[in-house]
N, C-alpha and C. Protein backbone atom coordinates (compact mmCIF):
# COMPACT_ATOMS: atom_id res chain seq x y z
N MET A 1 101.29 89.59 101.08
CA MET A 1 101.49 90.36 99.89
C MET A 1 101.09 91.82 100.09
N ARG A 2 100.05 92.02 100.87
CA ARG A 2 99.55 93.37 101.09
C ARG A 2 100.58 94.23 101.83
N HIS A 3 101.34 93.61 102.73
CA HIS A 3 102.31 94.41 103.49
C HIS A 3 103.45 94.93 102.61
N TYR A 4 103.77 94.23 101.52
CA TYR A 4 104.79 94.73 100.60
C TYR A 4 104.32 96.00 99.89
N VAL A 5 103.04 96.03 99.53
CA VAL A 5 102.49 97.22 98.87
C VAL A 5 102.52 98.40 99.83
N VAL A 6 102.14 98.16 101.07
CA VAL A 6 102.14 99.23 102.07
C VAL A 6 103.57 99.71 102.32
N LEU A 7 104.53 98.79 102.37
CA LEU A 7 105.93 99.19 102.56
C LEU A 7 106.45 100.03 101.39
N ARG A 8 106.06 99.67 100.17
CA ARG A 8 106.48 100.47 99.02
C ARG A 8 105.86 101.86 99.06
N LEU A 9 104.60 101.96 99.49
CA LEU A 9 103.96 103.27 99.62
C LEU A 9 104.66 104.11 100.69
N LEU A 10 105.01 103.48 101.80
CA LEU A 10 105.72 104.20 102.86
C LEU A 10 107.10 104.66 102.39
N LEU A 11 107.79 103.84 101.63
CA LEU A 11 109.10 104.23 101.11
C LEU A 11 108.98 105.40 100.14
N ALA A 12 107.98 105.36 99.28
CA ALA A 12 107.77 106.48 98.35
C ALA A 12 107.43 107.75 99.11
N ALA A 13 106.60 107.64 100.15
CA ALA A 13 106.26 108.82 100.96
C ALA A 13 107.49 109.37 101.68
N PHE A 14 108.35 108.48 102.16
CA PHE A 14 109.58 108.93 102.83
C PHE A 14 110.50 109.67 101.86
N LEU A 15 110.64 109.13 100.65
CA LEU A 15 111.49 109.80 99.66
C LEU A 15 110.93 111.17 99.28
N LEU A 16 109.62 111.29 99.19
CA LEU A 16 109.02 112.59 98.92
C LEU A 16 109.26 113.53 100.10
N TYR A 17 109.17 113.01 101.31
CA TYR A 17 109.41 113.81 102.51
C TYR A 17 110.83 114.36 102.53
N VAL A 18 111.78 113.55 102.10
CA VAL A 18 113.18 113.99 102.07
C VAL A 18 113.41 115.00 100.95
N ALA A 19 112.78 114.80 99.80
CA ALA A 19 113.04 115.64 98.64
C ALA A 19 112.25 116.94 98.64
N TRP A 20 111.12 117.00 99.32
CA TRP A 20 110.23 118.16 99.23
C TRP A 20 110.89 119.49 99.60
N PRO A 21 111.72 119.58 100.65
CA PRO A 21 112.33 120.88 100.96
C PRO A 21 113.33 121.36 99.90
N ILE A 22 113.89 120.47 99.14
CA ILE A 22 114.91 120.82 98.16
C ILE A 22 114.29 121.31 96.85
N ILE A 23 113.09 120.85 96.53
CA ILE A 23 112.47 121.16 95.24
C ILE A 23 112.33 122.67 95.00
N PRO A 24 111.82 123.48 95.93
CA PRO A 24 111.66 124.91 95.63
C PRO A 24 112.98 125.68 95.51
N GLN A 25 114.07 125.14 96.01
CA GLN A 25 115.35 125.84 95.98
C GLN A 25 116.01 125.79 94.60
N GLU A 26 115.60 124.86 93.77
CA GLU A 26 116.22 124.71 92.45
C GLU A 26 115.68 125.77 91.50
N THR A 27 116.59 126.42 90.75
CA THR A 27 116.18 127.51 89.88
C THR A 27 116.46 127.25 88.40
N GLY A 28 117.34 126.35 88.09
CA GLY A 28 117.69 126.11 86.68
C GLY A 28 116.63 125.31 85.94
N PHE A 29 116.65 125.41 84.63
CA PHE A 29 115.67 124.70 83.80
C PHE A 29 115.85 123.19 83.91
N VAL A 30 117.10 122.74 83.88
CA VAL A 30 117.37 121.30 83.96
C VAL A 30 116.95 120.76 85.32
N ALA A 31 117.19 121.52 86.38
CA ALA A 31 116.79 121.09 87.71
C ALA A 31 115.27 120.99 87.82
N LYS A 32 114.57 121.96 87.26
CA LYS A 32 113.10 121.91 87.29
C LYS A 32 112.58 120.74 86.46
N LEU A 33 113.23 120.48 85.35
CA LEU A 33 112.85 119.35 84.51
C LEU A 33 113.07 118.03 85.26
N PHE A 34 114.20 117.93 85.96
CA PHE A 34 114.48 116.73 86.75
C PHE A 34 113.43 116.54 87.84
N TRP A 35 113.11 117.59 88.59
CA TRP A 35 112.15 117.45 89.67
C TRP A 35 110.75 117.19 89.14
N GLY A 36 110.42 117.76 87.98
CA GLY A 36 109.13 117.46 87.36
C GLY A 36 109.02 115.99 86.98
N GLY A 37 110.09 115.45 86.41
CA GLY A 37 110.13 114.03 86.09
C GLY A 37 110.09 113.16 87.33
N TRP A 38 110.79 113.60 88.36
CA TRP A 38 110.81 112.85 89.62
C TRP A 38 109.41 112.80 90.23
N LEU A 39 108.72 113.94 90.23
CA LEU A 39 107.37 113.97 90.80
C LEU A 39 106.40 113.16 89.94
N ALA A 40 106.56 113.18 88.62
CA ALA A 40 105.71 112.36 87.76
C ALA A 40 105.93 110.88 88.03
N PHE A 41 107.19 110.48 88.18
CA PHE A 41 107.49 109.09 88.51
C PHE A 41 106.92 108.72 89.88
N PHE A 42 107.01 109.63 90.84
CA PHE A 42 106.44 109.40 92.17
C PHE A 42 104.94 109.14 92.07
N ILE A 43 104.25 109.95 91.28
CA ILE A 43 102.80 109.77 91.12
C ILE A 43 102.49 108.43 90.47
N LEU A 44 103.30 108.02 89.49
CA LEU A 44 103.10 106.71 88.88
C LEU A 44 103.30 105.58 89.88
N VAL A 45 104.33 105.68 90.71
CA VAL A 45 104.61 104.65 91.71
C VAL A 45 103.47 104.56 92.72
N VAL A 46 103.04 105.70 93.23
CA VAL A 46 101.96 105.70 94.21
C VAL A 46 100.67 105.20 93.58
N GLY A 47 100.36 105.64 92.38
CA GLY A 47 99.15 105.19 91.71
C GLY A 47 99.16 103.69 91.44
N GLY A 48 100.29 103.18 91.00
CA GLY A 48 100.40 101.74 90.75
C GLY A 48 100.25 100.92 92.02
N ASN A 49 100.84 101.39 93.09
CA ASN A 49 100.73 100.65 94.35
C ASN A 49 99.32 100.74 94.93
N PHE A 50 98.67 101.90 94.80
CA PHE A 50 97.29 102.00 95.25
C PHE A 50 96.38 101.10 94.42
N ALA A 51 96.63 101.03 93.11
CA ALA A 51 95.83 100.15 92.26
C ALA A 51 96.03 98.69 92.67
N ALA A 52 97.27 98.31 92.95
CA ALA A 52 97.54 96.94 93.39
C ALA A 52 96.88 96.67 94.74
N LEU A 53 96.90 97.65 95.62
CA LEU A 53 96.29 97.49 96.93
C LEU A 53 94.78 97.34 96.82
N LEU A 54 94.16 98.10 95.94
CA LEU A 54 92.71 98.03 95.79
C LEU A 54 92.25 96.77 95.07
N GLN A 55 93.10 96.17 94.27
CA GLN A 55 92.72 94.95 93.55
C GLN A 55 92.90 93.69 94.39
N MET A 56 93.53 93.81 95.54
CA MET A 56 93.70 92.65 96.40
C MET A 56 92.42 92.40 97.17
N VAL A 57 91.74 91.36 96.79
CA VAL A 57 90.50 91.00 97.47
C VAL A 57 90.61 89.55 97.92
N THR A 58 89.88 89.21 98.94
CA THR A 58 89.86 87.82 99.38
C THR A 58 88.98 87.03 98.43
N PRO A 59 89.36 85.80 98.11
CA PRO A 59 88.54 85.00 97.20
C PRO A 59 87.21 84.63 97.86
N PRO A 60 86.22 84.30 97.06
CA PRO A 60 84.93 83.88 97.63
C PRO A 60 85.09 82.65 98.51
N VAL A 61 84.08 82.38 99.31
CA VAL A 61 84.16 81.30 100.30
C VAL A 61 84.40 79.96 99.63
N MET A 62 83.76 79.71 98.52
CA MET A 62 83.94 78.43 97.84
C MET A 62 85.39 78.24 97.39
N GLU A 63 86.01 79.30 96.90
CA GLU A 63 87.40 79.20 96.48
C GLU A 63 88.33 79.05 97.67
N GLN A 64 87.99 79.65 98.80
CA GLN A 64 88.81 79.50 100.00
C GLN A 64 88.80 78.05 100.46
N LYS A 65 87.63 77.41 100.40
CA LYS A 65 87.55 76.00 100.80
C LYS A 65 88.38 75.13 99.87
N GLU A 66 88.34 75.43 98.57
CA GLU A 66 89.13 74.67 97.61
C GLU A 66 90.63 74.87 97.85
N LEU A 67 91.05 76.09 98.16
CA LEU A 67 92.46 76.34 98.45
C LEU A 67 92.90 75.60 99.70
N ARG A 68 92.07 75.60 100.72
CA ARG A 68 92.41 74.87 101.96
C ARG A 68 92.52 73.37 101.69
N ARG A 69 91.61 72.85 100.87
CA ARG A 69 91.63 71.42 100.56
C ARG A 69 92.91 71.07 99.79
N ARG A 70 93.30 71.91 98.85
CA ARG A 70 94.53 71.66 98.09
C ARG A 70 95.76 71.74 98.98
N GLN A 71 95.79 72.72 99.88
CA GLN A 71 96.93 72.86 100.78
C GLN A 71 97.01 71.68 101.74
N ALA A 72 95.87 71.19 102.20
CA ALA A 72 95.86 70.05 103.11
C ALA A 72 96.33 68.79 102.40
N SER A 73 95.96 68.62 101.14
CA SER A 73 96.36 67.42 100.41
C SER A 73 97.84 67.46 100.02
N ASN A 74 98.42 68.65 99.93
CA ASN A 74 99.84 68.76 99.58
C ASN A 74 100.75 68.48 100.76
N HIS A 75 100.27 68.59 101.96
CA HIS A 75 101.12 68.40 103.13
C HIS A 75 101.00 67.04 103.69
């Protein structure tokens, strides 16, 4: 599960890398509004993925033993 979060962060970083040179070239109000919205959405995506990444913790040892026991009994 953790690798999906990292892949989404890398994809967002790549899209920012592609878009960054174009942002300063735009001069119209609508273009600036679009890029402002795009950057705000980018920050939300990165923040959400970082929050998901930080909340991923390994369960305590007792819960790990219980999960292993359940998986062994299911197979």
